[in-house]
Amino acid sequence: MVRSLLPLGAALLGAYTVAAADIPTCSLTQKCPEETPCCSQYGQCGVGAYCLGGCDPRMSFSLDACVPSPVCESKIYPMTDLKRVVDVGKYLGDPSTADWVAQGEPLLYNGNVLLTMPAHSVGTVLASTTYMWYGNVKAKVKTSRGAGVVTAFILLSDVKDEIDYEWVGADLTVAQTNYYFQGIPDYQNSGNITGLSDTFNNFHDYEIRWTPDEITWLVDGVVGRTKKRSETWNATANQWNFPQSPARVQLSIWPGGADTNAQGTIDWAGGAIDWDSADIQNYGYDFATFGQVEVECYNATSGPGTNLHTSYTYDDARGTNDTIVDGTKGTVLKSFAGTGLNMDAGGSSGSSASGSSTQTASGPAASVPGGTASGPGSAPGQEGSGTSGDGSSSAASSAACQATGFSQNCGGSSSSGSGASGKSAGVRVERTLGASAFAVVVALAGLLVL
């Protein structure tokens, strides 16, 4: 997936008050200004959550504008409840309080987590609150289905190193694999693992084994592909074009076939998405199902690949594994007014503060980034490169999503307390339904396919 990391579209929290056109964009040649110093994963500048997971230090005002990243923790995530899933608008960087940061609408069904994509939304993404600097990660997945609907299980670093599994809903027998170094587009990096049994109806175990010298992709314990670092030397740049920086685990569903995407992306995704598909008619969304996720750290005793202390930072804009510091700096903001330059800013807000903009000396600043219809990374055929970040996203705004149980209705007007505003597509809507309410609804006919 080579993504051009399009800037923030309409997918922001409902209370968002800073117009997208007013948010500075960032790239390797256009760094963020000091008042909004953090360049988010989506190529725009802000404070608060912009400075947490996905903040690119190379494109930010300075390397220390981004908040240090929590080091790797070997852990099994059962994915049997949502207790340790927190909305991006409420997470301030403490991994002891949450395992996953959510944008979109994760739901619980039958002891697994569903990532959902209502009509005309940008889908759902979960990102781990800790980072892997080499190691193994395995996820039990049932993919989404349908042309234009993409499921992803990826490792994505703040400097845009990336290792992927992706599934196009039009072909339920293939897992696509890919890797990228710092978002540099190279379509020769992809490779398919074929002959899988119906990836929508059947769980498979997908695994990435990542060392400083090799990446191995496995399905159900069988090696499907291997890529050696020794095969990635770039003589022109005098570097290894091989993923090598600490990365978050990201699980997602996104609309590769949205008409706002480049034609190459739409074609790669199997064609235009059908926002009136049977799944959307029956349940209110397309969906992918995630079971247990396991992370095993590399646990090196000296760099690269250590997790000896508290956090990872960069001491050079090259962003290679010899520039990463495994140190003792803190990872937690006092409020969404904070940045890596001043982590105590707005401390009176407390750790439970939420919001999508904050005030700076020069006016309101965006503090909670959103997603785009081009997915959490980037897709083959996407115009531009992962290092640009300029341009704009025209991701369609979702109509208000009314949560009436397990299903959603995103085609009507909002009712009091039932959903988000029409401009909050792609950002998780808070739910008040308990497990019993879900149980009643999921007992209905039609979900037996899960």
Protein backbone atom coordinates (compact mmCIF):
# COMPACT_ATOMS: atom_id res chain seq x y z
CA MET A 1 0.00 0.00 0.00
CA VAL A 2 1.74 3.20 -1.05
CA ARG A 3 -0.39 5.95 0.28
CA SER A 4 -0.18 9.59 -0.52
CA LEU A 5 -1.45 10.12 3.04
CA LEU A 6 -4.07 12.59 1.97
CA PRO A 7 -4.85 15.37 4.40
CA LEU A 8 -7.75 15.24 6.74
CA GLY A 9 -11.07 15.11 4.96
CA ALA A 10 -14.52 15.29 6.44
CA ALA A 11 -13.71 12.52 8.89
CA LEU A 12 -13.32 14.47 12.10
CA LEU A 13 -15.07 14.47 15.44
CA GLY A 14 -18.46 16.16 15.39
CA ALA A 15 -17.31 19.11 17.50
CA TYR A 16 -14.51 19.95 15.08
CA THR A 17 -14.43 23.71 14.57
CA VAL A 18 -11.31 24.30 12.48
CA ALA A 19 -12.08 24.23 8.75
CA ALA A 20 -9.97 21.68 6.88
CA ALA A 21 -8.79 24.40 4.51
CA ASP A 22 -7.33 26.28 7.51
CA ILE A 23 -5.17 23.39 8.72
CA PRO A 24 -1.55 23.61 7.57
CA THR A 25 -0.31 20.67 5.54
CA CYS A 26 3.09 19.07 5.97
CA SER A 27 5.64 17.13 3.95
CA LEU A 28 9.38 16.52 3.84
CA THR A 29 9.82 19.91 2.18
CA GLN A 30 7.14 21.79 4.14
CA LYS A 31 7.38 21.27 7.87
CA CYS A 32 4.69 22.24 10.36
CA PRO A 33 4.74 25.71 11.96
CA GLU A 34 5.73 26.04 15.61
CA GLU A 35 2.19 26.83 16.82
CA THR A 36 0.85 23.56 15.33
CA PRO A 37 4.09 21.60 15.26
CA CYS A 38 2.98 18.00 14.76
CA CYS A 39 2.52 16.39 11.33
CA SER A 40 -0.15 13.68 11.61
CA GLN A 41 -0.32 10.41 9.70
CA TYR A 42 -2.71 12.16 7.32
CA GLY A 43 -0.33 15.00 6.40
CA GLN A 44 -1.74 17.91 8.38
CA CYS A 45 -0.43 19.93 11.29
CA GLY A 46 -1.93 20.19 14.75
CA VAL A 47 -1.45 19.63 18.46
CA GLY A 48 -2.74 17.02 20.91
CA ALA A 49 -3.52 13.73 19.17
CA TYR A 50 -1.67 14.97 16.08
CA CYS A 51 1.47 14.57 18.20
CA LEU A 52 0.69 10.99 19.28
CA GLY A 53 0.59 7.82 17.15
CA GLY A 54 1.38 8.51 13.51
CA CYS A 55 3.12 11.85 14.10
CA ASP A 56 5.97 12.04 11.59
CA PRO A 57 9.01 13.72 13.17
CA ARG A 58 10.62 14.33 9.78
CA MET A 59 7.74 16.56 8.67
CA SER A 60 6.99 18.17 12.03
CA PHE A 61 8.39 21.48 13.27
CA SER A 62 11.22 19.60 14.97
CA LEU A 63 12.08 16.00 15.77
CA ASP A 64 10.91 16.44 19.36
CA ALA A 65 7.54 17.94 18.41
CA CYS A 66 6.07 14.43 18.29
CA VAL A 67 5.37 12.76 21.62
CA PRO A 68 7.71 9.81 22.32
CA SER A 69 6.22 6.43 21.30
CA PRO A 70 5.60 3.66 23.88
CA VAL A 71 8.02 0.75 23.48
CA CYS A 72 7.02 -2.75 22.44
CA GLU A 73 5.14 -5.01 24.86
CA SER A 74 4.68 -8.72 24.19
CA LYS A 75 1.00 -9.34 24.70
CA ILE A 76 -2.05 -11.36 23.65
CA TYR A 77 -5.10 -9.27 22.78
CA PRO A 78 -8.18 -11.56 23.00
CA MET A 79 -10.45 -9.07 21.15
CA THR A 80 -13.40 -10.42 23.14
CA ASP A 81 -14.54 -7.00 24.39
CA LEU A 82 -14.02 -3.29 23.79
CA LYS A 83 -12.95 -2.38 27.32
CA ARG A 84 -9.43 -1.44 26.24
CA VAL A 85 -10.42 0.27 22.99
CA VAL A 86 -10.50 4.05 23.35
CA ASP A 87 -11.63 6.73 20.94
CA VAL A 88 -8.85 8.80 19.39
CA GLY A 89 -10.50 11.88 20.90
CA LYS A 90 -9.97 10.58 24.44
CA TYR A 91 -6.49 9.02 24.35
CA LEU A 92 -3.57 11.05 25.65
CA GLY A 93 -0.74 8.57 25.21
CA ASP A 94 -0.80 6.27 28.25
CA PRO A 95 -0.72 2.66 26.99
CA SER A 96 -1.58 1.33 30.45
CA THR A 97 -5.10 2.70 29.95
CA ALA A 98 -5.84 1.23 26.50
CA ASP A 99 -4.59 -1.33 24.00
CA TRP A 100 -6.13 0.22 20.88
CA VAL A 101 -7.03 3.70 19.66
CA ALA A 102 -10.14 3.72 17.47
CA GLN A 103 -11.40 5.87 14.64
CA GLY A 104 -14.70 4.76 13.20
CA GLU A 105 -17.10 2.21 14.66
CA PRO A 106 -15.74 -0.99 16.21
CA LEU A 107 -18.43 -3.31 17.53
CA LEU A 108 -18.52 -6.55 19.48
CA TYR A 109 -20.13 -9.68 18.05
CA ASN A 110 -19.93 -13.29 19.15
CA GLY A 111 -16.73 -12.82 21.10
CA ASN A 112 -14.90 -10.98 18.31
CA VAL A 113 -14.46 -7.37 17.23
CA LEU A 114 -16.15 -6.15 14.08
CA LEU A 115 -14.67 -3.20 12.21
CA THR A 116 -17.54 -1.57 10.38
CA MET A 117 -17.96 0.75 7.43
CA PRO A 118 -21.39 2.38 7.08
CA ALA A 119 -22.39 3.75 3.68
CA HIS A 120 -20.37 6.79 2.57
CA SER A 121 -18.03 6.61 5.54
CA VAL A 122 -14.27 6.08 5.54
CA GLY A 123 -14.47 2.90 7.59
CA THR A 124 -12.83 2.00 10.90
CA VAL A 125 -9.24 1.65 12.04
CA LEU A 126 -7.76 0.36 15.29
CA ALA A 127 -4.15 1.27 16.03
CA SER A 128 -2.13 -0.28 18.84
CA THR A 129 -1.03 2.03 21.64
CA THR A 130 2.44 0.45 21.77
CA TYR A 131 4.97 0.09 18.98
CA MET A 132 6.84 -2.93 17.56
CA TRP A 133 10.51 -2.53 16.68
CA TYR A 134 10.84 -5.87 14.95
CA GLY A 135 9.15 -9.01 16.29
CA ASN A 136 6.16 -11.19 15.41
CA VAL A 137 2.49 -10.25 15.16
CA LYS A 138 -0.38 -12.58 14.37
CA ALA A 139 -4.09 -11.83 13.84
CA LYS A 140 -7.12 -14.06 13.38
CA VAL A 141 -9.20 -12.45 10.64
CA LYS A 142 -12.36 -12.84 8.61
CA THR A 143 -12.19 -10.26 5.86
CA SER A 144 -14.88 -8.00 4.44
CA ARG A 145 -16.41 -8.76 1.04
CA GLY A 146 -17.57 -6.92 -2.04
CA ALA A 147 -15.92 -4.87 -4.77
CA GLY A 148 -14.16 -1.80 -3.46
CA VAL A 149 -14.17 -2.96 0.17
CA VAL A 150 -10.67 -3.46 1.60
CA THR A 151 -9.58 -5.11 4.87
CA ALA A 152 -6.08 -4.43 6.18
CA PHE A 153 -3.74 -5.77 8.87
CA ILE A 154 -0.55 -3.74 8.73
CA LEU A 155 2.48 -2.45 10.57
CA LEU A 156 2.91 1.28 9.97
CA SER A 157 5.64 3.42 11.49
CA ASP A 158 5.58 7.15 12.10
CA VAL A 159 8.11 7.65 9.28
CA LYS A 160 5.89 5.50 7.06
CA ASP A 161 7.76 2.24 6.97
CA GLU A 162 5.05 -0.31 6.29
CA ILE A 163 4.43 -4.08 6.18
CA ASP A 164 1.01 -5.17 4.95
CA TYR A 165 -1.63 -7.77 4.61
CA GLU A 166 -4.59 -6.52 2.57
CA TRP A 167 -7.65 -8.23 1.19
CA VAL A 168 -9.79 -6.93 -1.65
CA GLY A 169 -13.40 -7.95 -1.11
CA ALA A 170 -13.87 -8.95 -4.74
CA ASP A 171 -11.41 -11.85 -4.35
CA LEU A 172 -11.85 -13.98 -1.24
CA THR A 173 -9.06 -16.45 -2.05
CA VAL A 174 -6.08 -14.07 -2.01
CA ALA A 175 -4.13 -12.24 0.68
CA GLN A 176 -2.05 -9.42 -0.76
CA THR A 177 1.28 -8.66 0.95
CA ASN A 178 3.43 -5.60 0.61
CA TYR A 179 6.16 -3.56 2.26
CA TYR A 180 7.46 -0.01 1.91
CA PHE A 181 10.36 2.03 3.19
CA GLN A 182 9.35 5.50 4.37
CA GLY A 183 6.35 5.60 2.05
CA ILE A 184 8.44 5.47 -1.12
CA PRO A 185 6.22 3.99 -3.87
CA ASP A 186 7.57 0.81 -5.41
CA TYR A 187 4.94 -1.43 -6.90
CA GLN A 188 7.46 -4.24 -7.26
CA ASN A 189 7.26 -4.80 -3.51
CA SER A 190 3.91 -6.59 -3.57
CA GLY A 191 3.23 -10.31 -3.62
CA ASN A 192 0.10 -12.44 -3.34
CA ILE A 193 -0.60 -15.48 -1.21
CA THR A 194 -3.23 -17.44 -3.13
CA GLY A 195 -5.46 -20.47 -2.70
CA LEU A 196 -7.05 -19.41 0.59
CA SER A 197 -10.50 -20.70 1.50
CA ASP A 198 -13.25 -18.04 1.54
CA THR A 199 -11.63 -15.33 3.63
CA PHE A 200 -15.02 -13.76 4.50
CA ASN A 201 -16.64 -16.85 5.98
CA ASN A 202 -13.52 -18.51 7.40
CA PHE A 203 -11.05 -17.33 9.99
CA HIS A 204 -7.40 -17.58 9.03
CA ASP A 205 -4.32 -16.82 11.10
CA TYR A 206 -2.20 -14.18 9.38
CA GLU A 207 1.29 -13.58 10.74
CA ILE A 208 4.16 -11.18 10.09
CA ARG A 209 7.63 -12.13 11.34
CA TRP A 210 9.93 -9.13 11.11
CA THR A 211 13.63 -9.04 11.93
CA PRO A 212 16.38 -6.59 10.96
CA ASP A 213 17.24 -8.95 8.10
CA GLU A 214 13.98 -10.46 6.87
CA ILE A 215 10.19 -10.24 6.67
CA THR A 216 8.14 -13.44 6.52
CA TRP A 217 4.39 -13.58 5.90
CA LEU A 218 2.58 -16.75 7.05
CA VAL A 219 -1.02 -17.93 6.72
CA ASP A 220 -2.25 -20.62 9.11
CA GLY A 221 1.36 -21.32 10.07
CA VAL A 222 2.54 -21.85 6.50
CA VAL A 223 5.11 -19.49 4.98
CA GLY A 224 3.55 -17.66 2.06
CA ARG A 225 6.30 -15.16 1.30
CA THR A 226 9.73 -14.04 2.48
CA LYS A 227 11.62 -10.82 1.73
CA LYS A 228 15.26 -10.36 2.75
CA ARG A 229 16.78 -6.99 3.56
CA SER A 230 19.76 -7.95 1.43
CA GLU A 231 17.46 -7.77 -1.62
CA THR A 232 16.47 -4.14 -0.98
CA TRP A 233 19.72 -2.16 -1.37
CA ASN A 234 19.24 1.20 -3.08
CA ALA A 235 22.63 2.12 -4.51
CA THR A 236 21.46 5.57 -5.58
CA ALA A 237 20.34 6.54 -2.10
CA ASN A 238 23.01 4.41 -0.41
CA GLN A 239 20.48 2.78 1.92
CA TRP A 240 18.40 -0.33 2.50
CA ASN A 241 14.81 0.30 1.36
CA PHE A 242 13.57 -2.04 4.08
CA PRO A 243 11.11 -1.34 6.94
CA GLN A 244 13.20 -0.72 10.06
CA SER A 245 11.51 1.76 12.41
CA PRO A 246 9.07 1.16 15.31
CA ALA A 247 5.54 0.60 14.00
CA ARG A 248 2.02 0.39 15.32
CA VAL A 249 -0.22 -2.56 14.50
CA GLN A 250 -3.23 -1.28 12.55
CA LEU A 251 -6.43 -3.19 11.77
CA SER A 252 -8.88 -1.58 9.38
CA ILE A 253 -11.66 -1.65 6.84
CA TRP A 254 -11.72 1.13 4.25
CA PRO A 255 -13.40 2.04 0.93
CA GLY A 256 -10.77 1.50 -1.73
CA GLY A 257 -13.54 1.77 -4.31
CA ALA A 258 -14.82 5.16 -3.14
CA ASP A 259 -15.32 7.54 -6.04
CA THR A 260 -13.09 10.10 -4.29
CA ASN A 261 -10.05 7.85 -4.73
CA ALA A 262 -7.72 7.79 -7.72
CA GLN A 263 -8.87 5.51 -10.53
CA GLY A 264 -5.85 3.29 -10.02
CA THR A 265 -6.86 2.70 -6.42
CA ILE A 266 -10.45 1.94 -7.42
CA ASP A 267 -9.28 -0.55 -10.03
CA TRP A 268 -6.91 -2.23 -7.56
CA ALA A 269 -9.74 -2.49 -5.03
CA GLY A 270 -11.88 -4.48 -7.46
CA GLY A 271 -14.00 -1.62 -8.76
CA ALA A 272 -16.40 0.97 -7.45
CA ILE A 273 -17.87 0.29 -4.03
CA ASP A 274 -21.59 -0.51 -3.75
CA TRP A 275 -22.97 1.60 -0.92
CA ASP A 276 -26.23 -0.30 -1.24
CA SER A 277 -24.73 -3.78 -0.87
CA ALA A 278 -26.57 -6.64 0.81
CA ASP A 279 -24.48 -6.24 3.97
CA ILE A 280 -25.25 -2.54 4.20
CA GLN A 281 -28.94 -3.22 3.58
CA ASN A 282 -29.07 -6.00 6.17
CA TYR A 283 -26.78 -4.63 8.89
CA GLY A 284 -26.11 -1.00 8.10
CA TYR A 285 -22.43 -1.50 7.21
CA ASP A 286 -19.76 -3.58 5.52
CA PHE A 287 -17.58 -5.30 8.10
CA ALA A 288 -14.46 -7.33 8.84
CA THR A 289 -14.09 -9.62 11.87
CA PHE A 290 -10.99 -9.71 14.06
CA GLY A 291 -10.27 -12.37 16.64
CA GLN A 292 -7.20 -12.75 18.82
CA VAL A 293 -4.13 -10.65 18.05
CA GLU A 294 -0.71 -11.65 19.42
CA VAL A 295 2.39 -9.46 19.60
CA GLU A 296 5.83 -10.87 20.42
CA CYS A 297 8.59 -8.27 20.72
CA TYR A 298 12.03 -8.83 19.20
CA ASN A 299 13.61 -8.19 22.61
CA ALA A 300 17.11 -7.37 21.41
CA THR A 301 19.61 -6.56 24.15
CA SER A 302 21.11 -3.73 22.08
CA GLY A 303 19.77 -1.77 19.12
CA PRO A 304 18.16 -2.23 16.77
CA GLY A 305 15.01 -3.88 18.10
CA THR A 306 15.17 -3.20 21.83
CA ASN A 307 12.34 -2.44 24.23
CA LEU A 308 14.43 -1.84 27.33
CA HIS A 309 13.02 1.46 28.55
CA THR A 310 9.87 3.57 28.13
CA SER A 311 9.73 5.14 24.70
CA TYR A 312 11.14 5.43 21.19
CA THR A 313 12.31 8.75 19.73
CA TYR A 314 14.40 9.79 16.71
CA ASP A 315 17.68 11.70 16.91
CA ASP A 316 18.02 12.28 13.16
CA ALA A 317 15.58 13.02 10.35
CA ARG A 318 16.89 10.10 8.31
CA GLY A 319 14.47 7.92 10.30
CA THR A 320 16.54 4.74 9.89
CA ASN A 321 17.05 2.16 12.63
CA ASP A 322 20.35 3.70 13.73
CA THR A 323 18.55 6.99 14.53
CA ILE A 324 16.07 5.46 16.99
CA VAL A 325 16.58 5.97 20.73
CA ASP A 326 15.07 3.53 23.23
CA GLY A 327 14.91 5.93 26.17
CA THR A 328 13.07 7.05 29.28
CA LYS A 329 11.05 10.02 28.01
CA GLY A 330 7.37 10.10 28.93
CA THR A 331 4.59 9.35 26.46
CA VAL A 332 1.55 11.03 28.07
CA LEU A 333 0.09 14.47 27.35
CA LYS A 334 -1.73 16.39 30.08
CA SER A 335 -4.36 17.55 27.57
CA PHE A 336 -5.00 17.96 23.86
CA ALA A 337 -3.31 21.36 24.03
CA GLY A 338 0.01 19.55 24.55
CA THR A 339 2.75 18.63 22.11
CA GLY A 340 6.13 16.97 22.42
CA LEU A 341 7.53 20.47 22.92
CA ASN A 342 5.27 21.09 25.93
CA MET A 343 3.61 17.93 27.17
CA ASP A 344 2.13 19.65 30.24
CA ALA A 345 0.20 22.29 28.30
CA GLY A 346 -3.44 22.58 29.36
CA GLY A 347 -2.86 20.19 32.23
CA SER A 348 -6.02 21.24 34.04
CA SER A 349 -8.05 19.40 31.38
CA GLY A 350 -7.13 16.05 32.92
CA SER A 351 -6.58 12.69 31.27
CA SER A 352 -10.22 12.24 30.31
CA ALA A 353 -10.41 15.43 28.26
CA SER A 354 -11.72 15.11 24.76
CA GLY A 355 -12.22 17.47 21.91
CA SER A 356 -11.08 18.12 18.38
CA SER A 357 -9.67 21.61 18.52
CA THR A 358 -7.76 23.70 21.01
CA GLN A 359 -6.75 27.33 21.28
CA THR A 360 -3.25 28.60 20.55
CA ALA A 361 -1.88 32.12 20.61
CA SER A 362 -2.69 32.47 16.92
CA GLY A 363 -6.18 30.94 17.07
CA PRO A 364 -7.83 27.52 17.11
CA ALA A 365 -5.66 24.51 16.29
CA ALA A 366 -6.76 21.04 15.25
CA SER A 367 -6.06 18.50 18.00
CA VAL A 368 -7.69 15.26 16.78
CA PRO A 369 -6.78 14.01 13.29
CA GLY A 370 -9.17 11.94 11.20
CA GLY A 371 -8.99 9.38 8.40
CA THR A 372 -9.48 9.41 4.67
CA ALA A 373 -11.15 7.21 2.11
CA SER A 374 -7.72 6.12 0.89
CA GLY A 375 -7.18 3.99 3.97
CA PRO A 376 -4.76 4.11 6.88
CA GLY A 377 -1.69 3.72 4.67
CA SER A 378 -1.84 3.82 0.86
CA ALA A 379 -3.03 1.66 -1.98
CA PRO A 380 -1.43 0.55 -5.21
CA GLY A 381 -2.51 2.94 -7.94
CA GLN A 382 -2.82 5.89 -5.57
CA GLU A 383 -1.58 9.07 -7.18
CA GLY A 384 1.32 10.81 -5.51
CA SER A 385 3.72 9.35 -2.99
CA GLY A 386 3.76 8.65 0.69
CA THR A 387 6.12 11.55 1.27
CA SER A 388 4.04 14.34 -0.20
CA GLY A 389 1.09 14.93 2.09
CA ASP A 390 -0.12 17.86 0.02
CA GLY A 391 -3.33 17.93 -1.98
CA SER A 392 -6.71 17.43 -0.41
CA SER A 393 -9.16 14.73 0.52
CA SER A 394 -12.70 14.80 -0.72
CA ALA A 395 -13.86 11.86 1.35
CA ALA A 396 -17.62 11.84 1.35
CA SER A 397 -19.30 12.98 4.52
CA SER A 398 -21.50 10.35 6.04
CA ALA A 399 -25.06 11.08 6.90
CA ALA A 400 -25.75 10.87 10.62
CA CYS A 401 -25.32 7.28 11.81
CA GLN A 402 -28.16 6.25 14.09
CA ALA A 403 -27.14 3.40 16.38
CA THR A 404 -30.30 1.43 17.04
CA GLY A 405 -28.66 -1.80 18.14
CA PHE A 406 -26.11 -3.96 16.40
CA SER A 407 -27.05 -2.43 13.05
CA GLN A 408 -26.64 1.18 12.01
CA ASN A 409 -28.67 3.52 9.86
CA CYS A 410 -26.39 6.07 8.26
CA GLY A 411 -28.81 7.32 5.66
CA GLY A 412 -31.15 9.47 7.70
CA SER A 413 -31.08 12.51 9.90
CA SER A 414 -29.61 12.23 13.34
CA SER A 415 -31.78 11.78 16.37
CA SER A 416 -30.91 12.98 19.80
CA GLY A 417 -27.95 11.11 21.20
CA SER A 418 -28.04 8.42 18.55
CA GLY A 419 -25.06 9.21 16.45
CA ALA A 420 -22.64 11.73 15.11
CA SER A 421 -23.12 14.76 12.97
CA GLY A 422 -22.95 14.45 9.21
CA LYS A 423 -19.31 15.57 9.25
CA SER A 424 -18.01 12.93 11.62
CA ALA A 425 -17.62 10.09 9.14
CA GLY A 426 -14.77 7.83 10.07
CA VAL A 427 -14.54 8.81 13.72
CA ARG A 428 -15.91 6.48 16.33
CA VAL A 429 -19.41 7.21 17.61
CA GLU A 430 -19.87 6.60 21.31
CA ARG A 431 -22.30 3.78 22.08
CA THR A 432 -24.45 3.33 25.14
CA LEU A 433 -25.80 -0.12 24.32
CA GLY A 434 -24.87 -2.91 26.72
CA ALA A 435 -24.01 -6.50 25.92
CA SER A 436 -27.60 -7.64 26.36
CA ALA A 437 -28.81 -5.19 23.72
CA PHE A 438 -26.23 -6.50 21.29
CA ALA A 439 -27.19 -10.08 22.10
CA VAL A 440 -30.84 -9.49 21.25
CA VAL A 441 -30.05 -7.97 17.89
CA VAL A 442 -27.35 -10.38 16.79
CA ALA A 443 -29.72 -13.25 17.39
CA LEU A 444 -31.71 -12.08 14.38
CA ALA A 445 -31.54 -13.98 11.13
CA GLY A 446 -28.91 -12.94 8.65
CA LEU A 447 -25.80 -12.82 10.80
CA LEU A 448 -25.28 -16.57 10.67
CA VAL A 449 -22.74 -15.93 7.93
CA LEU A 450 -20.37 -14.73 10.60
